[in-house]
């Protein structure tokens, strides 16, 4: 299979990425990087749906000034779909960030309406809650732009609600269990 980059689609919508991370291109449209925690949407995709979802979601994010990150290319997406992928990364193709609960609620429904379910398919994202009957839209409350620090052992951590959270999957997801009531009250 030929690897293709999603950069052509970013260029088509005149979106410059602000960070070129190892697996992702991070695109900051509204330049609000002071949000440590908040609502996010993960768009799941298989290889066949990736170009459709990439173009649809990037266009939407551009029009609505939403920050997002996207996997760099189809090879990385394919690897993220394999059994070798870490469970917390499995299937996450595009992540969209929101600066408020209101923005999240308004946009998730619009994205749900926008995506043609006949053209979109993706794996289940185990770390998130599925939105309605969508095969590709998942959401949760979590870290957006955490200020990462290192403890005396060199382990990364950040603060949330005055609690020190180590960045390992066990501790990371436990802290958000307290926010389940908040999560469920949205819909």
C-alpha atoms as a PDB file:
ATOM      1  CA  UNK A   1       0.000   0.000   0.000  1.00  0.00           C
ATOM      2  CA  UNK A   2       1.296   3.433  -0.913  1.00  0.00           C
ATOM      3  CA  UNK A   3       1.667   5.816   2.030  1.00  0.00           C
ATOM      4  CA  UNK A   4       0.048   9.205   1.590  1.00  0.00           C
ATOM      5  CA  UNK A   5       0.333  12.307   3.712  1.00  0.00           C
ATOM      6  CA  UNK A   6      -2.647  14.317   4.894  1.00  0.00           C
ATOM      7  CA  UNK A   7      -0.598  17.489   4.415  1.00  0.00           C
ATOM      8  CA  UNK A   8      -2.148  18.130   0.962  1.00  0.00           C
ATOM      9  CA  UNK A   9      -5.534  18.509   2.617  1.00  0.00           C
ATOM     10  CA  UNK A  10      -4.081  20.868   5.255  1.00  0.00           C
ATOM     11  CA  UNK A  11      -2.580  22.929   2.422  1.00  0.00           C
ATOM     12  CA  UNK A  12      -5.861  22.897   0.476  1.00  0.00           C
ATOM     13  CA  UNK A  13      -7.519  24.719   3.390  1.00  0.00           C
ATOM     14  CA  UNK A  14      -4.478  26.929   3.946  1.00  0.00           C
ATOM     15  CA  UNK A  15      -3.824  25.499   7.403  1.00  0.00           C
ATOM     16  CA  UNK A  16      -0.301  25.650   8.721  1.00  0.00           C
ATOM     17  CA  UNK A  17       0.546  23.224  11.459  1.00  0.00           C
ATOM     18  CA  UNK A  18       1.981  24.809  14.578  1.00  0.00           C
ATOM     19  CA  UNK A  19       3.826  21.739  15.831  1.00  0.00           C
ATOM     20  CA  UNK A  20       5.260  18.817  13.929  1.00  0.00           C
ATOM     21  CA  UNK A  21       5.136  16.114  16.560  1.00  0.00           C
ATOM     22  CA  UNK A  22       6.487  12.596  16.021  1.00  0.00           C
ATOM     23  CA  UNK A  23       3.180  11.061  14.870  1.00  0.00           C
ATOM     24  CA  UNK A  24       0.924  14.107  14.618  1.00  0.00           C
ATOM     25  CA  UNK A  25       0.645  17.505  13.025  1.00  0.00           C
ATOM     26  CA  UNK A  26      -0.860  19.907  15.559  1.00  0.00           C
ATOM     27  CA  UNK A  27      -2.901  22.778  14.108  1.00  0.00           C
ATOM     28  CA  UNK A  28      -3.656  25.717  16.371  1.00  0.00           C
ATOM     29  CA  UNK A  29      -6.200  27.979  14.670  1.00  0.00           C
ATOM     30  CA  UNK A  30      -7.491  30.060  17.604  1.00  0.00           C
ATOM     31  CA  UNK A  31      -4.125  30.256  19.454  1.00  0.00           C
ATOM     32  CA  UNK A  32      -5.600  29.483  22.896  1.00  0.00           C
ATOM     33  CA  UNK A  33      -2.989  27.209  24.380  1.00  0.00           C
ATOM     34  CA  UNK A  34      -3.701  28.205  27.984  1.00  0.00           C
ATOM     35  CA  UNK A  35      -6.375  25.517  28.433  1.00  0.00           C
ATOM     36  CA  UNK A  36      -4.944  22.678  30.517  1.00  0.00           C
ATOM     37  CA  UNK A  37      -8.037  20.441  30.686  1.00  0.00           C
ATOM     38  CA  UNK A  38     -11.215  20.354  28.665  1.00  0.00           C
ATOM     39  CA  UNK A  39     -13.501  18.523  26.287  1.00  0.00           C
ATOM     40  CA  UNK A  40     -12.125  16.833  23.206  1.00  0.00           C
ATOM     41  CA  UNK A  41     -13.474  14.806  20.322  1.00  0.00           C
ATOM     42  CA  UNK A  42     -11.556  11.924  18.807  1.00  0.00           C
ATOM     43  CA  UNK A  43     -12.395  11.011  15.229  1.00  0.00           C
ATOM     44  CA  UNK A  44     -11.735   7.349  14.565  1.00  0.00           C
ATOM     45  CA  UNK A  45     -10.997   6.140  11.046  1.00  0.00           C
ATOM     46  CA  UNK A  46     -10.072   3.108   9.045  1.00  0.00           C
ATOM     47  CA  UNK A  47      -7.800   3.539   6.008  1.00  0.00           C
ATOM     48  CA  UNK A  48     -10.658   3.654   3.481  1.00  0.00           C
ATOM     49  CA  UNK A  49     -12.485   6.467   5.323  1.00  0.00           C
ATOM     50  CA  UNK A  50      -9.414   8.548   6.175  1.00  0.00           C
ATOM     51  CA  UNK A  51      -9.346  10.947   3.205  1.00  0.00           C
ATOM     52  CA  UNK A  52     -13.083  11.650   3.454  1.00  0.00           C
ATOM     53  CA  UNK A  53     -12.898  12.240   7.216  1.00  0.00           C
ATOM     54  CA  UNK A  54      -9.700  14.264   6.941  1.00  0.00           C
ATOM     55  CA  UNK A  55     -11.176  16.645   4.388  1.00  0.00           C
ATOM     56  CA  UNK A  56     -14.567  16.901   6.125  1.00  0.00           C
ATOM     57  CA  UNK A  57     -13.181  17.514   9.618  1.00  0.00           C
ATOM     58  CA  UNK A  58     -10.376  19.873   8.584  1.00  0.00           C
ATOM     59  CA  UNK A  59     -12.822  21.997   6.588  1.00  0.00           C
ATOM     60  CA  UNK A  60     -15.152  22.122   9.605  1.00  0.00           C
ATOM     61  CA  UNK A  61     -12.322  23.017  12.012  1.00  0.00           C
ATOM     62  CA  UNK A  62     -11.099  25.784   9.696  1.00  0.00           C
ATOM     63  CA  UNK A  63     -14.570  27.332   9.311  1.00  0.00           C
ATOM     64  CA  UNK A  64     -15.247  27.113  13.066  1.00  0.00           C
ATOM     65  CA  UNK A  65     -11.732  28.078  14.268  1.00  0.00           C
ATOM     66  CA  UNK A  66     -11.179  24.842  16.182  1.00  0.00           C
ATOM     67  CA  UNK A  67      -7.760  23.529  17.180  1.00  0.00           C
ATOM     68  CA  UNK A  68      -6.967  19.962  16.210  1.00  0.00           C
ATOM     69  CA  UNK A  69      -4.227  17.450  15.629  1.00  0.00           C
ATOM     70  CA  UNK A  70      -4.094  14.772  12.951  1.00  0.00           C
ATOM     71  CA  UNK A  71      -1.946  11.734  12.304  1.00  0.00           C
ATOM     72  CA  UNK A  72       0.754  12.603   9.760  1.00  0.00           C
ATOM     73  CA  UNK A  73       0.119   9.891   7.193  1.00  0.00           C
ATOM     74  CA  UNK A  74      -1.680   6.671   6.291  1.00  0.00           C
ATOM     75  CA  UNK A  75       1.214   4.465   7.428  1.00  0.00           C
ATOM     76  CA  UNK A  76       0.943   5.870  10.969  1.00  0.00           C
ATOM     77  CA  UNK A  77      -2.851   5.448  10.832  1.00  0.00           C
ATOM     78  CA  UNK A  78      -2.419   1.820   9.751  1.00  0.00           C
ATOM     79  CA  UNK A  79      -0.013   1.227  12.659  1.00  0.00           C
ATOM     80  CA  UNK A  80      -2.497   2.841  15.068  1.00  0.00           C
ATOM     81  CA  UNK A  81      -5.100   0.321  13.903  1.00  0.00           C
ATOM     82  CA  UNK A  82      -2.898  -2.716  14.547  1.00  0.00           C
ATOM     83  CA  UNK A  83      -2.889  -4.931  17.621  1.00  0.00           C
ATOM     84  CA  UNK A  84       0.597  -3.586  18.386  1.00  0.00           C
ATOM     85  CA  UNK A  85      -0.817  -0.113  19.090  1.00  0.00           C
ATOM     86  CA  UNK A  86      -1.227   1.014  22.711  1.00  0.00           C
ATOM     87  CA  UNK A  87      -4.880   0.826  23.753  1.00  0.00           C
ATOM     88  CA  UNK A  88      -5.026   4.528  24.670  1.00  0.00           C
ATOM     89  CA  UNK A  89      -3.967   5.442  21.100  1.00  0.00           C
ATOM     90  CA  UNK A  90      -5.960   2.839  19.169  1.00  0.00           C
ATOM     91  CA  UNK A  91      -7.984   4.367  16.335  1.00  0.00           C
ATOM     92  CA  UNK A  92      -7.456   8.042  17.185  1.00  0.00           C
ATOM     93  CA  UNK A  93      -7.053   9.735  13.798  1.00  0.00           C
ATOM     94  CA  UNK A  94      -8.039  13.352  14.508  1.00  0.00           C
ATOM     95  CA  UNK A  95      -8.424  15.074  17.881  1.00  0.00           C
ATOM     96  CA  UNK A  96     -10.448  18.298  18.119  1.00  0.00           C
ATOM     97  CA  UNK A  97     -10.036  20.575  21.159  1.00  0.00           C
ATOM     98  CA  UNK A  98     -12.601  22.925  22.710  1.00  0.00           C
ATOM     99  CA  UNK A  99     -12.177  25.908  24.999  1.00  0.00           C
ATOM    100  CA  UNK A 100     -15.562  25.514  26.729  1.00  0.00           C
ATOM    101  CA  UNK A 101     -18.284  22.979  27.474  1.00  0.00           C
ATOM    102  CA  UNK A 102     -20.743  25.068  25.424  1.00  0.00           C
ATOM    103  CA  UNK A 103     -18.469  25.017  22.361  1.00  0.00           C
ATOM    104  CA  UNK A 104     -18.021  21.263  22.748  1.00  0.00           C
ATOM    105  CA  UNK A 105     -21.775  20.569  22.966  1.00  0.00           C
ATOM    106  CA  UNK A 106     -22.606  22.782  19.964  1.00  0.00           C
ATOM    107  CA  UNK A 107     -19.852  21.379  17.778  1.00  0.00           C
ATOM    108  CA  UNK A 108     -20.182  17.669  18.528  1.00  0.00           C
ATOM    109  CA  UNK A 109     -23.775  17.658  17.275  1.00  0.00           C
ATOM    110  CA  UNK A 110     -22.821  19.645  14.157  1.00  0.00           C
ATOM    111  CA  UNK A 111     -19.994  17.202  13.399  1.00  0.00           C
ATOM    112  CA  UNK A 112     -22.381  14.284  13.918  1.00  0.00           C
ATOM    113  CA  UNK A 113     -24.796  15.766  11.365  1.00  0.00           C
ATOM    114  CA  UNK A 114     -21.967  16.630   8.959  1.00  0.00           C
ATOM    115  CA  UNK A 115     -20.382  13.172   8.703  1.00  0.00           C
ATOM    116  CA  UNK A 116     -21.988  10.850   6.167  1.00  0.00           C
ATOM    117  CA  UNK A 117     -22.205   7.535   8.037  1.00  0.00           C
ATOM    118  CA  UNK A 118     -22.075   5.627   4.733  1.00  0.00           C
ATOM    119  CA  UNK A 119     -18.613   7.066   4.011  1.00  0.00           C
ATOM    120  CA  UNK A 120     -17.165   6.857   7.528  1.00  0.00           C
ATOM    121  CA  UNK A 121     -15.993   3.871   9.477  1.00  0.00           C
ATOM    122  CA  UNK A 122     -13.479   3.421  12.256  1.00  0.00           C
ATOM    123  CA  UNK A 123     -12.538   1.269  15.221  1.00  0.00           C
ATOM    124  CA  UNK A 124     -14.033   1.691  18.667  1.00  0.00           C
ATOM    125  CA  UNK A 125     -12.021   4.013  20.947  1.00  0.00           C
ATOM    126  CA  UNK A 126     -11.946   2.317  24.350  1.00  0.00           C
ATOM    127  CA  UNK A 127     -10.826   5.364  26.345  1.00  0.00           C
ATOM    128  CA  UNK A 128     -13.780   7.527  25.248  1.00  0.00           C
ATOM    129  CA  UNK A 129     -17.569   7.551  25.092  1.00  0.00           C
ATOM    130  CA  UNK A 130     -19.158   7.003  21.682  1.00  0.00           C
ATOM    131  CA  UNK A 131     -21.406   9.859  20.518  1.00  0.00           C
ATOM    132  CA  UNK A 132     -24.920   8.591  19.776  1.00  0.00           C
ATOM    133  CA  UNK A 133     -24.759   5.883  17.073  1.00  0.00           C
ATOM    134  CA  UNK A 134     -21.703   7.285  15.287  1.00  0.00           C
ATOM    135  CA  UNK A 135     -19.033   4.837  14.157  1.00  0.00           C
ATOM    136  CA  UNK A 136     -16.313   7.502  14.259  1.00  0.00           C
ATOM    137  CA  UNK A 137     -17.110  10.197  16.877  1.00  0.00           C
ATOM    138  CA  UNK A 138     -15.898   9.698  20.448  1.00  0.00           C
ATOM    139  CA  UNK A 139     -15.465  12.209  23.255  1.00  0.00           C
ATOM    140  CA  UNK A 140     -14.094  12.709  26.737  1.00  0.00           C
ATOM    141  CA  UNK A 141     -12.859  15.260  29.221  1.00  0.00           C
ATOM    142  CA  UNK A 142      -9.082  15.252  29.512  1.00  0.00           C
ATOM    143  CA  UNK A 143      -5.742  16.970  29.139  1.00  0.00           C
ATOM    144  CA  UNK A 144      -5.484  19.440  26.268  1.00  0.00           C
ATOM    145  CA  UNK A 145      -2.354  21.508  26.811  1.00  0.00           C
ATOM    146  CA  UNK A 146      -1.034  20.272  30.168  1.00  0.00           C
ATOM    147  CA  UNK A 147       2.103  21.868  31.540  1.00  0.00           C
ATOM    148  CA  UNK A 148       4.262  18.774  31.810  1.00  0.00           C
ATOM    149  CA  UNK A 149       6.810  18.678  34.632  1.00  0.00           C
ATOM    150  CA  UNK A 150       9.223  15.972  35.792  1.00  0.00           C
ATOM    151  CA  UNK A 151       9.382  14.574  39.320  1.00  0.00           C
ATOM    152  CA  UNK A 152      12.594  13.591  41.121  1.00  0.00           C
ATOM    153  CA  UNK A 153      12.574  10.207  39.304  1.00  0.00           C
ATOM    154  CA  UNK A 154      12.171  11.780  35.861  1.00  0.00           C
ATOM    155  CA  UNK A 155       8.520  10.712  35.549  1.00  0.00           C
ATOM    156  CA  UNK A 156       6.288  13.215  33.709  1.00  0.00           C
ATOM    157  CA  UNK A 157       3.300  14.688  35.564  1.00  0.00           C
ATOM    158  CA  UNK A 158       0.905  17.648  35.507  1.00  0.00           C
ATOM    159  CA  UNK A 159      -1.548  19.252  37.919  1.00  0.00           C
ATOM    160  CA  UNK A 160      -5.325  19.053  37.644  1.00  0.00           C
ATOM    161  CA  UNK A 161      -7.577  20.563  40.341  1.00  0.00           C
ATOM    162  CA  UNK A 162      -4.527  20.888  42.618  1.00  0.00           C
ATOM    163  CA  UNK A 163      -3.774  17.151  42.299  1.00  0.00           C
ATOM    164  CA  UNK A 164      -0.484  15.884  40.916  1.00  0.00           C
ATOM    165  CA  UNK A 165      -1.248  13.426  38.080  1.00  0.00           C
ATOM    166  CA  UNK A 166       1.477  11.087  36.824  1.00  0.00           C
ATOM    167  CA  UNK A 167       1.327  10.574  33.067  1.00  0.00           C
ATOM    168  CA  UNK A 168       0.877   6.835  32.915  1.00  0.00           C
ATOM    169  CA  UNK A 169      -2.291   5.264  31.622  1.00  0.00           C
ATOM    170  CA  UNK A 170      -3.374   3.848  35.003  1.00  0.00           C
ATOM    171  CA  UNK A 171      -3.309   7.168  36.880  1.00  0.00           C
ATOM    172  CA  UNK A 172      -4.232   9.287  33.881  1.00  0.00           C
ATOM    173  CA  UNK A 173      -7.639   7.715  33.312  1.00  0.00           C
ATOM    174  CA  UNK A 174      -8.498   7.231  37.019  1.00  0.00           C
ATOM    175  CA  UNK A 175      -8.485  10.973  37.647  1.00  0.00           C
ATOM    176  CA  UNK A 176     -11.209  11.538  35.053  1.00  0.00           C
ATOM    177  CA  UNK A 177     -13.532   8.972  36.621  1.00  0.00           C
ATOM    178  CA  UNK A 178     -14.440  11.748  39.069  1.00  0.00           C
ATOM    179  CA  UNK A 179     -15.647  13.734  36.062  1.00  0.00           C
ATOM    180  CA  UNK A 180     -18.021  10.991  34.803  1.00  0.00           C
ATOM    181  CA  UNK A 181     -20.995  12.832  36.330  1.00  0.00           C
ATOM    182  CA  UNK A 182     -19.926  15.919  34.376  1.00  0.00           C
ATOM    183  CA  UNK A 183     -19.497  13.813  31.239  1.00  0.00           C
ATOM    184  CA  UNK A 184     -22.927  12.210  31.514  1.00  0.00           C
ATOM    185  CA  UNK A 185     -24.674  15.504  32.300  1.00  0.00           C
ATOM    186  CA  UNK A 186     -23.781  16.843  28.849  1.00  0.00           C
ATOM    187  CA  UNK A 187     -26.316  14.773  26.945  1.00  0.00           C
END
